[in-house]
Amino acid sequence: MTRITVDVNDEWLEAAREALGTDTKVATINAALHAFAVRRQAREIVAAFDQVEMDFAESAEAWRYGGGRDLGTLAEKARDGEAAA
């Protein structure tokens, strides 16, 4: 663990503490850095999946007992920014 001295905007720190539900300044800063790193990893994972062509044709018939969903338009909706229903 690295120990540093840094000037931090008090309003931003308090806002982050409230959003993250942390009790101390150290915990808040560590949680914020962790959240940022996780968000970056998630973007990289989504980018990797975006490079894979998915075929959801006949997806509704792929599940047993007729309980499947038609995912045929899922990729298009995701690219258009629509929420999956």
PDB file of N, CA and C in Angstrom:
ATOM      1  N   MET A   1       0.851  -1.164   0.000  1.00  0.00           N
ATOM      2  CA  MET A   1       0.000   0.000   0.000  1.00  0.00           C
ATOM      3  C   MET A   1       0.901   1.232   0.000  1.00  0.00           C
ATOM      4  N   THR A   2       0.537   2.190  -0.829  1.00  0.00           N
ATOM      5  CA  THR A   2       1.286   3.441  -0.931  1.00  0.00           C
ATOM      6  C   THR A   2       0.666   4.491  -0.015  1.00  0.00           C
ATOM      7  N   ARG A   3       1.514   5.208   0.688  1.00  0.00           N
ATOM      8  CA  ARG A   3       1.035   6.297   1.550  1.00  0.00           C
ATOM      9  C   ARG A   3       1.385   7.603   0.854  1.00  0.00           C
ATOM     10  N   ILE A   4       0.358   8.474   0.663  1.00  0.00           N
ATOM     11  CA  ILE A   4       0.577   9.756  -0.004  1.00  0.00           C
ATOM     12  C   ILE A   4      -0.118  10.868   0.770  1.00  0.00           C
ATOM     13  N   THR A   5       0.347  12.063   0.529  1.00  0.00           N
ATOM     14  CA  THR A   5      -0.325  13.250   1.041  1.00  0.00           C
ATOM     15  C   THR A   5      -0.854  13.997  -0.167  1.00  0.00           C
ATOM     16  N   VAL A   6      -2.148  14.304  -0.139  1.00  0.00           N
ATOM     17  CA  VAL A   6      -2.762  14.942  -1.296  1.00  0.00           C
ATOM     18  C   VAL A   6      -3.853  15.899  -0.822  1.00  0.00           C
ATOM     19  N   ASP A   7      -3.981  17.017  -1.521  1.00  0.00           N
ATOM     20  CA  ASP A   7      -5.073  17.952  -1.243  1.00  0.00           C
ATOM     21  C   ASP A   7      -6.298  17.471  -2.016  1.00  0.00           C
ATOM     22  N   VAL A   8      -7.419  17.361  -1.323  1.00  0.00           N
ATOM     23  CA  VAL A   8      -8.649  16.851  -1.932  1.00  0.00           C
ATOM     24  C   VAL A   8      -9.754  17.875  -1.711  1.00  0.00           C
ATOM     25  N   ASN A   9     -10.569  18.077  -2.742  1.00  0.00           N
ATOM     26  CA  ASN A   9     -11.715  18.966  -2.638  1.00  0.00           C
ATOM     27  C   ASN A   9     -12.695  18.381  -1.619  1.00  0.00           C
ATOM     28  N   ASP A  10     -12.967  19.121  -0.561  1.00  0.00           N
ATOM     29  CA  ASP A  10     -13.814  18.626   0.529  1.00  0.00           C
ATOM     30  C   ASP A  10     -15.241  18.320   0.080  1.00  0.00           C
ATOM     31  N   GLU A  11     -15.794  19.137  -0.792  1.00  0.00           N
ATOM     32  CA  GLU A  11     -17.167  18.908  -1.269  1.00  0.00           C
ATOM     33  C   GLU A  11     -17.244  17.627  -2.088  1.00  0.00           C
ATOM     34  N   TRP A  12     -16.265  17.406  -2.957  1.00  0.00           N
ATOM     35  CA  TRP A  12     -16.251  16.188  -3.776  1.00  0.00           C
ATOM     36  C   TRP A  12     -16.049  14.963  -2.898  1.00  0.00           C
ATOM     37  N   LEU A  13     -15.186  15.089  -1.909  1.00  0.00           N
ATOM     38  CA  LEU A  13     -14.933  13.974  -0.999  1.00  0.00           C
ATOM     39  C   LEU A  13     -16.197  13.614  -0.227  1.00  0.00           C
ATOM     40  N   GLU A  14     -16.903  14.613   0.252  1.00  0.00           N
ATOM     41  CA  GLU A  14     -18.153  14.364   0.987  1.00  0.00           C
ATOM     42  C   GLU A  14     -19.213  13.760   0.072  1.00  0.00           C
ATOM     43  N   ALA A  15     -19.313  14.263  -1.144  1.00  0.00           N
ATOM     44  CA  ALA A  15     -20.280  13.710  -2.097  1.00  0.00           C
ATOM     45  C   ALA A  15     -19.945  12.245  -2.405  1.00  0.00           C
ATOM     46  N   ALA A  16     -18.668  11.957  -2.573  1.00  0.00           N
ATOM     47  CA  ALA A  16     -18.246  10.578  -2.834  1.00  0.00           C
ATOM     48  C   ALA A  16     -18.527   9.694  -1.623  1.00  0.00           C
ATOM     49  N   ARG A  17     -18.273  10.213  -0.416  1.00  0.00           N
ATOM     50  CA  ARG A  17     -18.534   9.446   0.798  1.00  0.00           C
ATOM     51  C   ARG A  17     -20.006   9.078   0.906  1.00  0.00           C
ATOM     52  N   GLU A  18     -20.877  10.041   0.618  1.00  0.00           N
ATOM     53  CA  GLU A  18     -22.318   9.772   0.669  1.00  0.00           C
ATOM     54  C   GLU A  18     -22.726   8.752  -0.385  1.00  0.00           C
ATOM     55  N   ALA A  19     -22.204   8.906  -1.596  1.00  0.00           N
ATOM     56  CA  ALA A  19     -22.564   7.989  -2.685  1.00  0.00           C
ATOM     57  C   ALA A  19     -22.052   6.573  -2.433  1.00  0.00           C
ATOM     58  N   LEU A  20     -20.868   6.473  -1.854  1.00  0.00           N
ATOM     59  CA  LEU A  20     -20.245   5.166  -1.640  1.00  0.00           C
ATOM     60  C   LEU A  20     -20.608   4.548  -0.294  1.00  0.00           C
ATOM     61  N   GLY A  21     -21.134   5.350   0.619  1.00  0.00           N
ATOM     62  CA  GLY A  21     -21.511   4.838   1.931  1.00  0.00           C
ATOM     63  C   GLY A  21     -20.317   4.499   2.808  1.00  0.00           C
ATOM     64  N   THR A  22     -19.221   5.218   2.632  1.00  0.00           N
ATOM     65  CA  THR A  22     -18.021   4.965   3.420  1.00  0.00           C
ATOM     66  C   THR A  22     -17.997   5.847   4.665  1.00  0.00           C
ATOM     67  N   ASP A  23     -17.164   5.445   5.640  1.00  0.00           N
ATOM     68  CA  ASP A  23     -17.128   6.162   6.917  1.00  0.00           C
ATOM     69  C   ASP A  23     -15.939   7.097   7.071  1.00  0.00           C
ATOM     70  N   THR A  24     -14.844   6.814   6.361  1.00  0.00           N
ATOM     71  CA  THR A  24     -13.635   7.619   6.540  1.00  0.00           C
ATOM     72  C   THR A  24     -13.152   8.162   5.208  1.00  0.00           C
ATOM     73  N   LYS A  25     -12.267   9.154   5.294  1.00  0.00           N
ATOM     74  CA  LYS A  25     -11.685   9.713   4.080  1.00  0.00           C
ATOM     75  C   LYS A  25     -10.875   8.669   3.326  1.00  0.00           C
ATOM     76  N   VAL A  26     -10.090   7.901   4.054  1.00  0.00           N
ATOM     77  CA  VAL A  26      -9.269   6.861   3.425  1.00  0.00           C
ATOM     78  C   VAL A  26     -10.151   5.833   2.726  1.00  0.00           C
ATOM     79  N   ALA A  27     -11.189   5.379   3.415  1.00  0.00           N
ATOM     80  CA  ALA A  27     -12.104   4.399   2.819  1.00  0.00           C
ATOM     81  C   ALA A  27     -12.791   4.965   1.587  1.00  0.00           C
ATOM     82  N   THR A  28     -13.167   6.240   1.640  1.00  0.00           N
ATOM     83  CA  THR A  28     -13.828   6.886   0.507  1.00  0.00           C
ATOM     84  C   THR A  28     -12.913   6.958  -0.701  1.00  0.00           C
ATOM     85  N   ILE A  29     -11.693   7.391  -0.478  1.00  0.00           N
ATOM     86  CA  ILE A  29     -10.745   7.503  -1.590  1.00  0.00           C
ATOM     87  C   ILE A  29     -10.451   6.126  -2.178  1.00  0.00           C
ATOM     88  N   ASN A  30     -10.217   5.126  -1.318  1.00  0.00           N
ATOM     89  CA  ASN A  30      -9.953   3.783  -1.816  1.00  0.00           C
ATOM     90  C   ASN A  30     -11.146   3.207  -2.570  1.00  0.00           C
ATOM     91  N   ALA A  31     -12.358   3.421  -2.055  1.00  0.00           N
ATOM     92  CA  ALA A  31     -13.560   2.918  -2.730  1.00  0.00           C
ATOM     93  C   ALA A  31     -13.769   3.604  -4.077  1.00  0.00           C
ATOM     94  N   ALA A  32     -13.502   4.906  -4.129  1.00  0.00           N
ATOM     95  CA  ALA A  32     -13.655   5.640  -5.389  1.00  0.00           C
ATOM     96  C   ALA A  32     -12.648   5.148  -6.428  1.00  0.00           C
ATOM     97  N   LEU A  33     -11.407   4.943  -6.007  1.00  0.00           N
ATOM     98  CA  LEU A  33     -10.391   4.428  -6.933  1.00  0.00           C
ATOM     99  C   LEU A  33     -10.752   3.023  -7.406  1.00  0.00           C
ATOM    100  N   HIS A  34     -11.252   2.206  -6.490  1.00  0.00           N
ATOM    101  CA  HIS A  34     -11.660   0.842  -6.863  1.00  0.00           C
ATOM    102  C   HIS A  34     -12.822   0.878  -7.853  1.00  0.00           C
ATOM    103  N   ALA A  35     -13.825   1.731  -7.594  1.00  0.00           N
ATOM    104  CA  ALA A  35     -14.975   1.836  -8.499  1.00  0.00           C
ATOM    105  C   ALA A  35     -14.534   2.280  -9.890  1.00  0.00           C
ATOM    106  N   PHE A  36     -13.601   3.199  -9.952  1.00  0.00           N
ATOM    107  CA  PHE A  36     -13.098   3.667 -11.236  1.00  0.00           C
ATOM    108  C   PHE A  36     -12.390   2.539 -11.986  1.00  0.00           C
ATOM    109  N   ALA A  37     -11.570   1.773 -11.270  1.00  0.00           N
ATOM    110  CA  ALA A  37     -10.846   0.659 -11.896  1.00  0.00           C
ATOM    111  C   ALA A  37     -11.812  -0.421 -12.386  1.00  0.00           C
ATOM    112  N   VAL A  38     -12.838  -0.725 -11.598  1.00  0.00           N
ATOM    113  CA  VAL A  38     -13.825  -1.728 -11.994  1.00  0.00           C
ATOM    114  C   VAL A  38     -14.608  -1.257 -13.212  1.00  0.00           C
ATOM    115  N   ARG A  39     -14.948   0.024 -13.238  1.00  0.00           N
ATOM    116  CA  ARG A  39     -15.672   0.573 -14.385  1.00  0.00           C
ATOM    117  C   ARG A  39     -14.841   0.447 -15.657  1.00  0.00           C
ATOM    118  N   ARG A  40     -13.549   0.695 -15.549  1.00  0.00           N
ATOM    119  CA  ARG A  40     -12.665   0.552 -16.709  1.00  0.00           C
ATOM    120  C   ARG A  40     -12.615  -0.905 -17.179  1.00  0.00           C
ATOM    121  N   GLN A  41     -12.506  -1.835 -16.240  1.00  0.00           N
ATOM    122  CA  GLN A  41     -12.501  -3.250 -16.603  1.00  0.00           C
ATOM    123  C   GLN A  41     -13.812  -3.640 -17.282  1.00  0.00           C
ATOM    124  N   ALA A  42     -14.922  -3.126 -16.787  1.00  0.00           N
ATOM    125  CA  ALA A  42     -16.223  -3.435 -17.385  1.00  0.00           C
ATOM    126  C   ALA A  42     -16.294  -2.922 -18.817  1.00  0.00           C
ATOM    127  N   ARG A  43     -15.779  -1.706 -19.052  1.00  0.00           N
ATOM    128  CA  ARG A  43     -15.752  -1.170 -20.422  1.00  0.00           C
ATOM    129  C   ARG A  43     -14.940  -2.068 -21.347  1.00  0.00           C
ATOM    130  N   GLU A  44     -13.807  -2.572 -20.850  1.00  0.00           N
ATOM    131  CA  GLU A  44     -12.964  -3.452 -21.661  1.00  0.00           C
ATOM    132  C   GLU A  44     -13.664  -4.770 -21.958  1.00  0.00           C
ATOM    133  N   ILE A  45     -14.390  -5.305 -20.990  1.00  0.00           N
ATOM    134  CA  ILE A  45     -15.132  -6.558 -21.199  1.00  0.00           C
ATOM    135  C   ILE A  45     -16.243  -6.346 -22.213  1.00  0.00           C
ATOM    136  N   VAL A  46     -16.981  -5.254 -22.085  1.00  0.00           N
ATOM    137  CA  VAL A  46     -18.056  -4.963 -23.031  1.00  0.00           C
ATOM    138  C   VAL A  46     -17.483  -4.777 -24.432  1.00  0.00           C
ATOM    139  N   ALA A  47     -16.351  -4.094 -24.545  1.00  0.00           N
ATOM    140  CA  ALA A  47     -15.714  -3.904 -25.852  1.00  0.00           C
ATOM    141  C   ALA A  47     -15.312  -5.246 -26.462  1.00  0.00           C
ATOM    142  N   ALA A  48     -14.832  -6.168 -25.635  1.00  0.00           N
ATOM    143  CA  ALA A  48     -14.454  -7.495 -26.143  1.00  0.00           C
ATOM    144  C   ALA A  48     -15.684  -8.242 -26.643  1.00  0.00           C
ATOM    145  N   PHE A  49     -16.778  -8.192 -25.895  1.00  0.00           N
ATOM    146  CA  PHE A  49     -18.009  -8.850 -26.340  1.00  0.00           C
ATOM    147  C   PHE A  49     -18.563  -8.196 -27.600  1.00  0.00           C
ATOM    148  N   ASP A  50     -18.380  -6.895 -27.734  1.00  0.00           N
ATOM    149  CA  ASP A  50     -18.899  -6.185 -28.889  1.00  0.00           C
ATOM    150  C   ASP A  50     -18.198  -6.624 -30.175  1.00  0.00           C
ATOM    151  N   GLN A  51     -17.013  -7.194 -30.053  1.00  0.00           N
ATOM    152  CA  GLN A  51     -16.269  -7.641 -31.233  1.00  0.00           C
ATOM    153  C   GLN A  51     -16.649  -9.055 -31.662  1.00  0.00           C
ATOM    154  N   VAL A  52     -17.495  -9.714 -30.876  1.00  0.00           N
ATOM    155  CA  VAL A  52     -17.916 -11.084 -31.190  1.00  0.00           C
ATOM    156  C   VAL A  52     -19.305 -11.027 -31.805  1.00  0.00           C
ATOM    157  N   GLU A  53     -19.448 -11.612 -32.970  1.00  0.00           N
ATOM    158  CA  GLU A  53     -20.766 -11.640 -33.613  1.00  0.00           C
ATOM    159  C   GLU A  53     -21.627 -12.710 -32.946  1.00  0.00           C
ATOM    160  N   MET A  54     -22.778 -12.323 -32.470  1.00  0.00           N
ATOM    161  CA  MET A  54     -23.682 -13.246 -31.787  1.00  0.00           C
ATOM    162  C   MET A  54     -24.857 -13.579 -32.706  1.00  0.00           C
ATOM    163  N   ASP A  55     -25.248 -14.836 -32.725  1.00  0.00           N
ATOM    164  CA  ASP A  55     -26.385 -15.268 -33.523  1.00  0.00           C
ATOM    165  C   ASP A  55     -27.484 -15.750 -32.583  1.00  0.00           C
ATOM    166  N   PHE A  56     -28.528 -14.958 -32.459  1.00  0.00           N
ATOM    167  CA  PHE A  56     -29.633 -15.300 -31.578  1.00  0.00           C
ATOM    168  C   PHE A  56     -30.843 -15.812 -32.358  1.00  0.00           C
ATOM    169  N   ALA A  57     -30.624 -16.162 -33.613  1.00  0.00           N
ATOM    170  CA  ALA A  57     -31.720 -16.664 -34.446  1.00  0.00           C
ATOM    171  C   ALA A  57     -32.358 -17.879 -33.770  1.00  0.00           C
ATOM    172  N   GLU A  58     -33.646 -17.926 -33.793  1.00  0.00           N
ATOM    173  CA  GLU A  58     -34.431 -19.022 -33.221  1.00  0.00           C
ATOM    174  C   GLU A  58     -34.153 -19.225 -31.739  1.00  0.00           C
ATOM    175  N   SER A  59     -33.776 -18.157 -31.040  1.00  0.00           N
ATOM    176  CA  SER A  59     -33.472 -18.267 -29.615  1.00  0.00           C
ATOM    177  C   SER A  59     -34.699 -18.658 -28.793  1.00  0.00           C
ATOM    178  N   ALA A  60     -35.873 -18.235 -29.231  1.00  0.00           N
ATOM    179  CA  ALA A  60     -37.089 -18.564 -28.490  1.00  0.00           C
ATOM    180  C   ALA A  60     -37.335 -20.065 -28.451  1.00  0.00           C
ATOM    181  N   GLU A  61     -36.916 -20.765 -29.500  1.00  0.00           N
ATOM    182  CA  GLU A  61     -37.112 -22.209 -29.555  1.00  0.00           C
ATOM    183  C   GLU A  61     -35.982 -22.979 -28.878  1.00  0.00           C
ATOM    184  N   ALA A  62     -34.941 -22.294 -28.481  1.00  0.00           N
ATOM    185  CA  ALA A  62     -33.774 -22.963 -27.931  1.00  0.00           C
ATOM    186  C   ALA A  62     -33.957 -23.404 -26.478  1.00  0.00           C
ATOM    187  N   TRP A  63     -34.947 -22.870 -25.787  1.00  0.00           N
ATOM    188  CA  TRP A  63     -35.156 -23.193 -24.375  1.00  0.00           C
ATOM    189  C   TRP A  63     -36.236 -24.256 -24.237  1.00  0.00           C
ATOM    190  N   ARG A  64     -36.081 -25.089 -23.242  1.00  0.00           N
ATOM    191  CA  ARG A  64     -37.065 -26.151 -23.004  1.00  0.00           C
ATOM    192  C   ARG A  64     -38.400 -25.592 -22.545  1.00  0.00           C
ATOM    193  N   TYR A  65     -39.434 -26.348 -22.738  1.00  0.00           N
ATOM    194  CA  TYR A  65     -40.786 -26.060 -22.261  1.00  0.00           C
ATOM    195  C   TYR A  65     -41.360 -24.771 -22.830  1.00  0.00           C
ATOM    196  N   GLY A  66     -40.846 -24.321 -23.948  1.00  0.00           N
ATOM    197  CA  GLY A  66     -41.397 -23.146 -24.609  1.00  0.00           C
ATOM    198  C   GLY A  66     -41.222 -21.856 -23.829  1.00  0.00           C
ATOM    199  N   GLY A  67     -40.300 -21.809 -22.915  1.00  0.00           N
ATOM    200  CA  GLY A  67     -40.143 -20.624 -22.080  1.00  0.00           C
ATOM    201  C   GLY A  67     -39.062 -19.671 -22.547  1.00  0.00           C
ATOM    202  N   GLY A  68     -38.611 -19.837 -23.794  1.00  0.00           N
ATOM    203  CA  GLY A  68     -37.530 -18.996 -24.276  1.00  0.00           C
ATOM    204  C   GLY A  68     -37.968 -17.611 -24.669  1.00  0.00           C
ATOM    205  N   ARG A  69     -36.996 -16.731 -24.860  1.00  0.00           N
ATOM    206  CA  ARG A  69     -37.257 -15.369 -25.312  1.00  0.00           C
ATOM    207  C   ARG A  69     -36.642 -15.197 -26.679  1.00  0.00           C
ATOM    208  N   ASP A  70     -37.277 -14.417 -27.510  1.00  0.00           N
ATOM    209  CA  ASP A  70     -36.712 -14.101 -28.815  1.00  0.00           C
ATOM    210  C   ASP A  70     -35.657 -13.027 -28.623  1.00  0.00           C
ATOM    211  N   LEU A  71     -34.395 -13.409 -28.755  1.00  0.00           N
ATOM    212  CA  LEU A  71     -33.292 -12.477 -28.581  1.00  0.00           C
ATOM    213  C   LEU A  71     -32.748 -11.991 -29.918  1.00  0.00           C
ATOM    214  N   GLY A  72     -33.511 -12.226 -30.982  1.00  0.00           N
ATOM    215  CA  GLY A  72     -33.057 -11.899 -32.326  1.00  0.00           C
ATOM    216  C   GLY A  72     -32.696 -10.440 -32.538  1.00  0.00           C
ATOM    217  N   THR A  73     -33.332  -9.535 -31.816  1.00  0.00           N
ATOM    218  CA  THR A  73     -33.051  -8.102 -31.989  1.00  0.00           C
ATOM    219  C   THR A  73     -32.212  -7.525 -30.844  1.00  0.00           C
ATOM    220  N   LEU A  74     -31.680  -8.393 -30.001  1.00  0.00           N
ATOM    221  CA  LEU A  74     -30.936  -7.939 -28.832  1.00  0.00           C
ATOM    222  C   LEU A  74     -29.714  -7.105 -29.207  1.00  0.00           C
ATOM    223  N   ALA A  75     -28.921  -7.572 -30.155  1.00  0.00           N
ATOM    224  CA  ALA A  75     -27.710  -6.845 -30.543  1.00  0.00           C
ATOM    225  C   ALA A  75     -28.054  -5.480 -31.126  1.00  0.00           C
ATOM    226  N   GLU A  76     -29.078  -5.425 -31.966  1.00  0.00           N
ATOM    227  CA  GLU A  76     -29.463  -4.151 -32.572  1.00  0.00           C
ATOM    228  C   GLU A  76     -29.950  -3.164 -31.504  1.00  0.00           C
ATOM    229  N   LYS A  77     -30.742  -3.655 -30.569  1.00  0.00           N
ATOM    230  CA  LYS A  77     -31.245  -2.799 -29.502  1.00  0.00           C
ATOM    231  C   LYS A  77     -30.099  -2.278 -28.642  1.00  0.00           C
ATOM    232  N   ALA A  78     -29.131  -3.140 -28.367  1.00  0.00           N
ATOM    233  CA  ALA A  78     -27.981  -2.706 -27.561  1.00  0.00           C
ATOM    234  C   ALA A  78     -27.195  -1.641 -28.273  1.00  0.00           C
ATOM    235  N   ARG A  79     -26.989  -1.800 -29.575  1.00  0.00           N
ATOM    236  CA  ARG A  79     -26.248  -0.800 -30.332  1.00  0.00           C
ATOM    237  C   ARG A  79     -27.006   0.516 -30.444  1.00  0.00           C
ATOM    238  N   ASP A  80     -28.347   0.430 -30.465  1.00  0.00           N
ATOM    239  CA  ASP A  80     -29.178   1.625 -30.542  1.00  0.00           C
ATOM    240  C   ASP A  80     -29.393   2.260 -29.174  1.00  0.00           C
ATOM    241  N   GLY A  81     -28.926   1.600 -28.107  1.00  0.00           N
ATOM    242  CA  GLY A  81     -29.058   2.148 -26.771  1.00  0.00           C
ATOM    243  C   GLY A  81     -30.386   1.867 -26.103  1.00  0.00           C
ATOM    244  N   GLU A  82     -31.183   0.988 -26.663  1.00  0.00           N
ATOM    245  CA  GLU A  82     -32.463   0.642 -26.058  1.00  0.00           C
ATOM    246  C   GLU A  82     -32.251  -0.360 -24.948  1.00  0.00           C
ATOM    247  N   ALA A  83     -33.073  -0.306 -23.932  1.00  0.00           N
ATOM    248  CA  ALA A  83     -33.009  -1.280 -22.836  1.00  0.00           C
ATOM    249  C   ALA A  83     -33.629  -2.587 -23.297  1.00  0.00           C
ATOM    250  N   ALA A  84     -33.017  -3.687 -22.907  1.00  0.00           N
ATOM    251  CA  ALA A  84     -33.563  -5.007 -23.234  1.00  0.00           C
ATOM    252  C   ALA A  84     -34.828  -5.228 -22.426  1.00  0.00           C
ATOM    253  N   ALA A  85     -35.855  -5.700 -23.071  1.00  0.00           N
ATOM    254  CA  ALA A  85     -37.131  -5.923 -22.368  1.00  0.00           C
ATOM    255  C   ALA A  85     -37.169  -7.295 -21.760  1.00  0.00           C
TER     256      ALA A  85
END
